[in-house]
Amino acid sequence: MNVNEIERLQEQAVNLCDLIEDISEQYCDDNLVSGEQFYVMLRALVDCKLREFPFDFDSFEEEIND
C-alpha cells in the first residue's frame, strides 16, 4: 500500500467513526439504550456481516499494520 492509499483509508476510517458515533448517540437517545449495549449489538452485527464476504481480513489487517 502506498502513502496515498493509507491516508485515504485513514480519512475514511475517521469519517466512518464520526458517523457511527452520531448514529449511536441518536439511536441510544431515541431507544433508551446504553452506549455499551449499542456497541455490543453493533459488534455482533459486524461479525455476522463480515462472514458474508469471501475476504481474508487477517491478511488485510497485517498489510495495514506493516
PDB file of N, CA and C in Angstrom:
ATOM      1  N   MET A   1       0.837  -1.169   0.000  1.00  0.00           N
ATOM      2  CA  MET A   1       0.000   0.000   0.000  1.00  0.00           C
ATOM      3  C   MET A   1       0.890   1.244   0.000  1.00  0.00           C
ATOM      4  N   ASN A   2       0.540   2.192  -0.835  1.00  0.00           N
ATOM      5  CA  ASN A   2       1.338   3.405  -0.851  1.00  0.00           C
ATOM      6  C   ASN A   2       0.772   4.429   0.142  1.00  0.00           C
ATOM      7  N   VAL A   3       1.486   5.513   0.307  1.00  0.00           N
ATOM      8  CA  VAL A   3       1.130   6.519   1.302  1.00  0.00           C
ATOM      9  C   VAL A   3      -0.245   7.114   1.018  1.00  0.00           C
ATOM     10  N   ASN A   4      -0.557   7.379  -0.244  1.00  0.00           N
ATOM     11  CA  ASN A   4      -1.859   7.964  -0.590  1.00  0.00           C
ATOM     12  C   ASN A   4      -3.010   7.038  -0.220  1.00  0.00           C
ATOM     13  N   GLU A   5      -2.836   5.742  -0.461  1.00  0.00           N
ATOM     14  CA  GLU A   5      -3.877   4.776  -0.117  1.00  0.00           C
ATOM     15  C   GLU A   5      -4.076   4.710   1.395  1.00  0.00           C
ATOM     16  N   ILE A   6      -2.982   4.740   2.131  1.00  0.00           N
ATOM     17  CA  ILE A   6      -3.051   4.690   3.589  1.00  0.00           C
ATOM     18  C   ILE A   6      -3.746   5.936   4.129  1.00  0.00           C
ATOM     19  N   GLU A   7      -3.378   7.105   3.613  1.00  0.00           N
ATOM     20  CA  GLU A   7      -4.016   8.346   4.051  1.00  0.00           C
ATOM     21  C   GLU A   7      -5.501   8.343   3.722  1.00  0.00           C
ATOM     22  N   ARG A   8      -5.849   7.828   2.559  1.00  0.00           N
ATOM     23  CA  ARG A   8      -7.257   7.748   2.158  1.00  0.00           C
ATOM     24  C   ARG A   8      -8.033   6.832   3.104  1.00  0.00           C
ATOM     25  N   LEU A   9      -7.452   5.677   3.439  1.00  0.00           N
ATOM     26  CA  LEU A   9      -8.094   4.752   4.371  1.00  0.00           C
ATOM     27  C   LEU A   9      -8.250   5.379   5.750  1.00  0.00           C
ATOM     28  N   GLN A  10      -7.243   6.106   6.193  1.00  0.00           N
ATOM     29  CA  GLN A  10      -7.321   6.763   7.496  1.00  0.00           C
ATOM     30  C   GLN A  10      -8.429   7.807   7.511  1.00  0.00           C
ATOM     31  N   GLU A  11      -8.526   8.595   6.450  1.00  0.00           N
ATOM     32  CA  GLU A  11      -9.581   9.606   6.370  1.00  0.00           C
ATOM     33  C   GLU A  11     -10.955   8.947   6.351  1.00  0.00           C
ATOM     34  N   GLN A  12     -11.095   7.877   5.590  1.00  0.00           N
ATOM     35  CA  GLN A  12     -12.370   7.162   5.544  1.00  0.00           C
ATOM     36  C   GLN A  12     -12.719   6.584   6.909  1.00  0.00           C
ATOM     37  N   ALA A  13     -11.728   6.064   7.619  1.00  0.00           N
ATOM     38  CA  ALA A  13     -11.968   5.488   8.943  1.00  0.00           C
ATOM     39  C   ALA A  13     -12.430   6.553   9.924  1.00  0.00           C
ATOM     40  N   VAL A  14     -11.828   7.721   9.881  1.00  0.00           N
ATOM     41  CA  VAL A  14     -12.225   8.811  10.768  1.00  0.00           C
ATOM     42  C   VAL A  14     -13.654   9.245  10.446  1.00  0.00           C
ATOM     43  N   ASN A  15     -13.961   9.391   9.155  1.00  0.00           N
ATOM     44  CA  ASN A  15     -15.318   9.783   8.751  1.00  0.00           C
ATOM     45  C   ASN A  15     -16.347   8.747   9.177  1.00  0.00           C
ATOM     46  N   LEU A  16     -16.011   7.477   9.020  1.00  0.00           N
ATOM     47  CA  LEU A  16     -16.913   6.404   9.420  1.00  0.00           C
ATOM     48  C   LEU A  16     -17.113   6.397  10.929  1.00  0.00           C
ATOM     49  N   CYS A  17     -16.045   6.598  11.669  1.00  0.00           N
ATOM     50  CA  CYS A  17     -16.142   6.641  13.133  1.00  0.00           C
ATOM     51  C   CYS A  17     -17.041   7.788  13.579  1.00  0.00           C
ATOM     52  N   ASP A  18     -16.869   8.950  12.965  1.00  0.00           N
ATOM     53  CA  ASP A  18     -17.730  10.100  13.298  1.00  0.00           C
ATOM     54  C   ASP A  18     -19.194   9.785  13.012  1.00  0.00           C
ATOM     55  N   LEU A  19     -19.456   9.156  11.883  1.00  0.00           N
ATOM     56  CA  LEU A  19     -20.826   8.799  11.510  1.00  0.00           C
ATOM     57  C   LEU A  19     -21.424   7.807  12.502  1.00  0.00           C
ATOM     58  N   ILE A  20     -20.650   6.786  12.855  1.00  0.00           N
ATOM     59  CA  ILE A  20     -21.133   5.774  13.800  1.00  0.00           C
ATOM     60  C   ILE A  20     -21.414   6.401  15.157  1.00  0.00           C
ATOM     61  N   GLU A  21     -20.562   7.310  15.603  1.00  0.00           N
ATOM     62  CA  GLU A  21     -20.794   7.967  16.886  1.00  0.00           C
ATOM     63  C   GLU A  21     -22.070   8.803  16.856  1.00  0.00           C
ATOM     64  N   ASP A  22     -22.310   9.508  15.746  1.00  0.00           N
ATOM     65  CA  ASP A  22     -23.544  10.288  15.622  1.00  0.00           C
ATOM     66  C   ASP A  22     -24.773   9.379  15.629  1.00  0.00           C
ATOM     67  N   ILE A  23     -24.684   8.275  14.893  1.00  0.00           N
ATOM     68  CA  ILE A  23     -25.801   7.327  14.829  1.00  0.00           C
ATOM     69  C   ILE A  23     -26.031   6.683  16.189  1.00  0.00           C
ATOM     70  N   SER A  24     -24.945   6.304  16.867  1.00  0.00           N
ATOM     71  CA  SER A  24     -25.097   5.650  18.172  1.00  0.00           C
ATOM     72  C   SER A  24     -25.761   6.588  19.173  1.00  0.00           C
ATOM     73  N   GLU A  25     -25.371   7.855  19.151  1.00  0.00           N
ATOM     74  CA  GLU A  25     -25.967   8.811  20.080  1.00  0.00           C
ATOM     75  C   GLU A  25     -27.465   8.956  19.826  1.00  0.00           C
ATOM     76  N   GLN A  26     -27.829   9.090  18.561  1.00  0.00           N
ATOM     77  CA  GLN A  26     -29.248   9.240  18.238  1.00  0.00           C
ATOM     78  C   GLN A  26     -30.026   7.968  18.575  1.00  0.00           C
ATOM     79  N   TYR A  27     -29.469   6.807  18.209  1.00  0.00           N
ATOM     80  CA  TYR A  27     -30.157   5.544  18.469  1.00  0.00           C
ATOM     81  C   TYR A  27     -30.349   5.331  19.974  1.00  0.00           C
ATOM     82  N   CYS A  28     -29.297   5.577  20.732  1.00  0.00           N
ATOM     83  CA  CYS A  28     -29.378   5.373  22.184  1.00  0.00           C
ATOM     84  C   CYS A  28     -30.382   6.324  22.819  1.00  0.00           C
ATOM     85  N   ASP A  29     -30.375   7.576  22.386  1.00  0.00           N
ATOM     86  CA  ASP A  29     -31.327   8.552  22.924  1.00  0.00           C
ATOM     87  C   ASP A  29     -32.761   8.187  22.562  1.00  0.00           C
ATOM     88  N   ASP A  30     -32.977   7.814  21.312  1.00  0.00           N
ATOM     89  CA  ASP A  30     -34.332   7.508  20.842  1.00  0.00           C
ATOM     90  C   ASP A  30     -34.894   6.221  21.429  1.00  0.00           C
ATOM     91  N   ASN A  31     -34.013   5.273  21.760  1.00  0.00           N
ATOM     92  CA  ASN A  31     -34.461   3.942  22.189  1.00  0.00           C
ATOM     93  C   ASN A  31     -34.087   3.593  23.621  1.00  0.00           C
ATOM     94  N   LEU A  32     -33.575   4.578  24.359  1.00  0.00           N
ATOM     95  CA  LEU A  32     -33.168   4.367  25.752  1.00  0.00           C
ATOM     96  C   LEU A  32     -32.253   3.143  25.895  1.00  0.00           C
ATOM     97  N   VAL A  33     -31.228   3.122  25.062  1.00  0.00           N
ATOM     98  CA  VAL A  33     -30.237   2.042  25.038  1.00  0.00           C
ATOM     99  C   VAL A  33     -28.909   2.630  25.487  1.00  0.00           C
ATOM    100  N   SER A  34     -28.149   1.872  26.265  1.00  0.00           N
ATOM    101  CA  SER A  34     -26.837   2.362  26.689  1.00  0.00           C
ATOM    102  C   SER A  34     -25.849   2.297  25.521  1.00  0.00           C
ATOM    103  N   GLY A  35     -24.828   3.116  25.610  1.00  0.00           N
ATOM    104  CA  GLY A  35     -23.782   3.084  24.590  1.00  0.00           C
ATOM    105  C   GLY A  35     -23.111   1.728  24.520  1.00  0.00           C
ATOM    106  N   GLU A  36     -22.896   1.131  25.680  1.00  0.00           N
ATOM    107  CA  GLU A  36     -22.266  -0.200  25.713  1.00  0.00           C
ATOM    108  C   GLU A  36     -23.139  -1.222  24.988  1.00  0.00           C
ATOM    109  N   GLN A  37     -24.429  -1.193  25.257  1.00  0.00           N
ATOM    110  CA  GLN A  37     -25.335  -2.132  24.595  1.00  0.00           C
ATOM    111  C   GLN A  37     -25.332  -1.902  23.082  1.00  0.00           C
ATOM    112  N   PHE A  38     -25.337  -0.649  22.672  1.00  0.00           N
ATOM    113  CA  PHE A  38     -25.306  -0.339  21.238  1.00  0.00           C
ATOM    114  C   PHE A  38     -24.075  -0.955  20.584  1.00  0.00           C
ATOM    115  N   TYR A  39     -22.901  -0.730  21.179  1.00  0.00           N
ATOM    116  CA  TYR A  39     -21.669  -1.213  20.559  1.00  0.00           C
ATOM    117  C   TYR A  39     -21.536  -2.731  20.617  1.00  0.00           C
ATOM    118  N   VAL A  40     -22.093  -3.376  21.628  1.00  0.00           N
ATOM    119  CA  VAL A  40     -22.107  -4.843  21.670  1.00  0.00           C
ATOM    120  C   VAL A  40     -22.974  -5.378  20.532  1.00  0.00           C
ATOM    121  N   MET A  41     -24.146  -4.749  20.337  1.00  0.00           N
ATOM    122  CA  MET A  41     -25.022  -5.177  19.237  1.00  0.00           C
ATOM    123  C   MET A  41     -24.362  -4.900  17.895  1.00  0.00           C
ATOM    124  N   LEU A  42     -23.721  -3.746  17.771  1.00  0.00           N
ATOM    125  CA  LEU A  42     -23.048  -3.402  16.520  1.00  0.00           C
ATOM    126  C   LEU A  42     -21.938  -4.402  16.211  1.00  0.00           C
ATOM    127  N   ARG A  43     -21.187  -4.790  17.232  1.00  0.00           N
ATOM    128  CA  ARG A  43     -20.105  -5.760  17.007  1.00  0.00           C
ATOM    129  C   ARG A  43     -20.663  -7.092  16.510  1.00  0.00           C
ATOM    130  N   ALA A  44     -21.755  -7.547  17.115  1.00  0.00           N
ATOM    131  CA  ALA A  44     -22.365  -8.803  16.679  1.00  0.00           C
ATOM    132  C   ALA A  44     -22.842  -8.699  15.232  1.00  0.00           C
ATOM    133  N   LEU A  45     -23.441  -7.566  14.899  1.00  0.00           N
ATOM    134  CA  LEU A  45     -23.897  -7.371  13.519  1.00  0.00           C
ATOM    135  C   LEU A  45     -22.730  -7.334  12.535  1.00  0.00           C
ATOM    136  N   VAL A  46     -21.658  -6.656  12.930  1.00  0.00           N
ATOM    137  CA  VAL A  46     -20.476  -6.579  12.067  1.00  0.00           C
ATOM    138  C   VAL A  46     -19.865  -7.967  11.876  1.00  0.00           C
ATOM    139  N   ASP A  47     -19.743  -8.734  12.951  1.00  0.00           N
ATOM    140  CA  ASP A  47     -19.201 -10.088  12.836  1.00  0.00           C
ATOM    141  C   ASP A  47     -20.023 -10.930  11.858  1.00  0.00           C
ATOM    142  N   CYS A  48     -21.338 -10.834  11.952  1.00  0.00           N
ATOM    143  CA  CYS A  48     -22.212 -11.581  11.038  1.00  0.00           C
ATOM    144  C   CYS A  48     -22.043 -11.099   9.609  1.00  0.00           C
ATOM    145  N   LYS A  49     -21.985  -9.804   9.429  1.00  0.00           N
ATOM    146  CA  LYS A  49     -21.869  -9.234   8.085  1.00  0.00           C
ATOM    147  C   LYS A  49     -20.552  -9.624   7.433  1.00  0.00           C
ATOM    148  N   LEU A  50     -19.470  -9.618   8.203  1.00  0.00           N
ATOM    149  CA  LEU A  50     -18.158  -9.950   7.641  1.00  0.00           C
ATOM    150  C   LEU A  50     -18.083 -11.397   7.158  1.00  0.00           C
ATOM    151  N   ARG A  51     -18.854 -12.270   7.779  1.00  0.00           N
ATOM    152  CA  ARG A  51     -18.863 -13.669   7.342  1.00  0.00           C
ATOM    153  C   ARG A  51     -19.468 -13.826   5.946  1.00  0.00           C
ATOM    154  N   GLU A  52     -20.185 -12.812   5.472  1.00  0.00           N
ATOM    155  CA  GLU A  52     -20.788 -12.875   4.144  1.00  0.00           C
ATOM    156  C   GLU A  52     -19.777 -12.603   3.030  1.00  0.00           C
ATOM    157  N   PHE A  53     -18.621 -12.054   3.384  1.00  0.00           N
ATOM    158  CA  PHE A  53     -17.639 -11.668   2.375  1.00  0.00           C
ATOM    159  C   PHE A  53     -16.503 -12.683   2.297  1.00  0.00           C
ATOM    160  N   PRO A  54     -16.138 -13.085   1.077  1.00  0.00           N
ATOM    161  CA  PRO A  54     -15.005 -14.004   0.922  1.00  0.00           C
ATOM    162  C   PRO A  54     -13.691 -13.223   0.913  1.00  0.00           C
ATOM    163  N   PHE A  55     -13.296 -12.760   2.084  1.00  0.00           N
ATOM    164  CA  PHE A  55     -12.137 -11.885   2.180  1.00  0.00           C
ATOM    165  C   PHE A  55     -11.303 -12.304   3.370  1.00  0.00           C
ATOM    166  N   ASP A  56      -9.991 -12.270   3.221  1.00  0.00           N
ATOM    167  CA  ASP A  56      -9.081 -12.637   4.294  1.00  0.00           C
ATOM    168  C   ASP A  56      -8.746 -11.386   5.115  1.00  0.00           C
ATOM    169  N   PHE A  57      -9.541 -11.124   6.162  1.00  0.00           N
ATOM    170  CA  PHE A  57      -9.362  -9.914   6.952  1.00  0.00           C
ATOM    171  C   PHE A  57      -8.083  -9.946   7.777  1.00  0.00           C
ATOM    172  N   ASP A  58      -7.619 -11.124   8.171  1.00  0.00           N
ATOM    173  CA  ASP A  58      -6.360 -11.200   8.914  1.00  0.00           C
ATOM    174  C   ASP A  58      -5.208 -10.700   8.053  1.00  0.00           C
ATOM    175  N   SER A  59      -5.196 -11.123   6.792  1.00  0.00           N
ATOM    176  CA  SER A  59      -4.164 -10.683   5.864  1.00  0.00           C
ATOM    177  C   SER A  59      -4.257  -9.176   5.617  1.00  0.00           C
ATOM    178  N   PHE A  60      -5.470  -8.672   5.497  1.00  0.00           N
ATOM    179  CA  PHE A  60      -5.681  -7.247   5.267  1.00  0.00           C
ATOM    180  C   PHE A  60      -5.181  -6.427   6.458  1.00  0.00           C
ATOM    181  N   GLU A  61      -5.482  -6.869   7.672  1.00  0.00           N
ATOM    182  CA  GLU A  61      -5.033  -6.160   8.872  1.00  0.00           C
ATOM    183  C   GLU A  61      -3.509  -6.161   8.955  1.00  0.00           C
ATOM    184  N   GLU A  62      -2.892  -7.266   8.612  1.00  0.00           N
ATOM    185  CA  GLU A  62      -1.422  -7.332   8.640  1.00  0.00           C
ATOM    186  C   GLU A  62      -0.837  -6.345   7.640  1.00  0.00           C
ATOM    187  N   GLU A  63      -1.449  -6.256   6.464  1.00  0.00           N
ATOM    188  CA  GLU A  63      -0.963  -5.329   5.437  1.00  0.00           C
ATOM    189  C   GLU A  63      -1.070  -3.888   5.900  1.00  0.00           C
ATOM    190  N   ILE A  64      -2.167  -3.547   6.566  1.00  0.00           N
ATOM    191  CA  ILE A  64      -2.367  -2.184   7.058  1.00  0.00           C
ATOM    192  C   ILE A  64      -1.359  -1.864   8.153  1.00  0.00           C
ATOM    193  N   ASN A  65      -1.082  -2.824   9.017  1.00  0.00           N
ATOM    194  CA  ASN A  65      -0.186  -2.582  10.147  1.00  0.00           C
ATOM    195  C   ASN A  65       1.276  -2.570   9.761  1.00  0.00           C
ATOM    196  N   ASP A  66       1.609  -3.041   8.588  1.00  0.00           N
ATOM    197  CA  ASP A  66       3.033  -3.049   8.156  1.00  0.00           C
ATOM    198  C   ASP A  66       3.517  -1.705   7.711  1.00  0.00           C
TER     199      ASP A  66
END
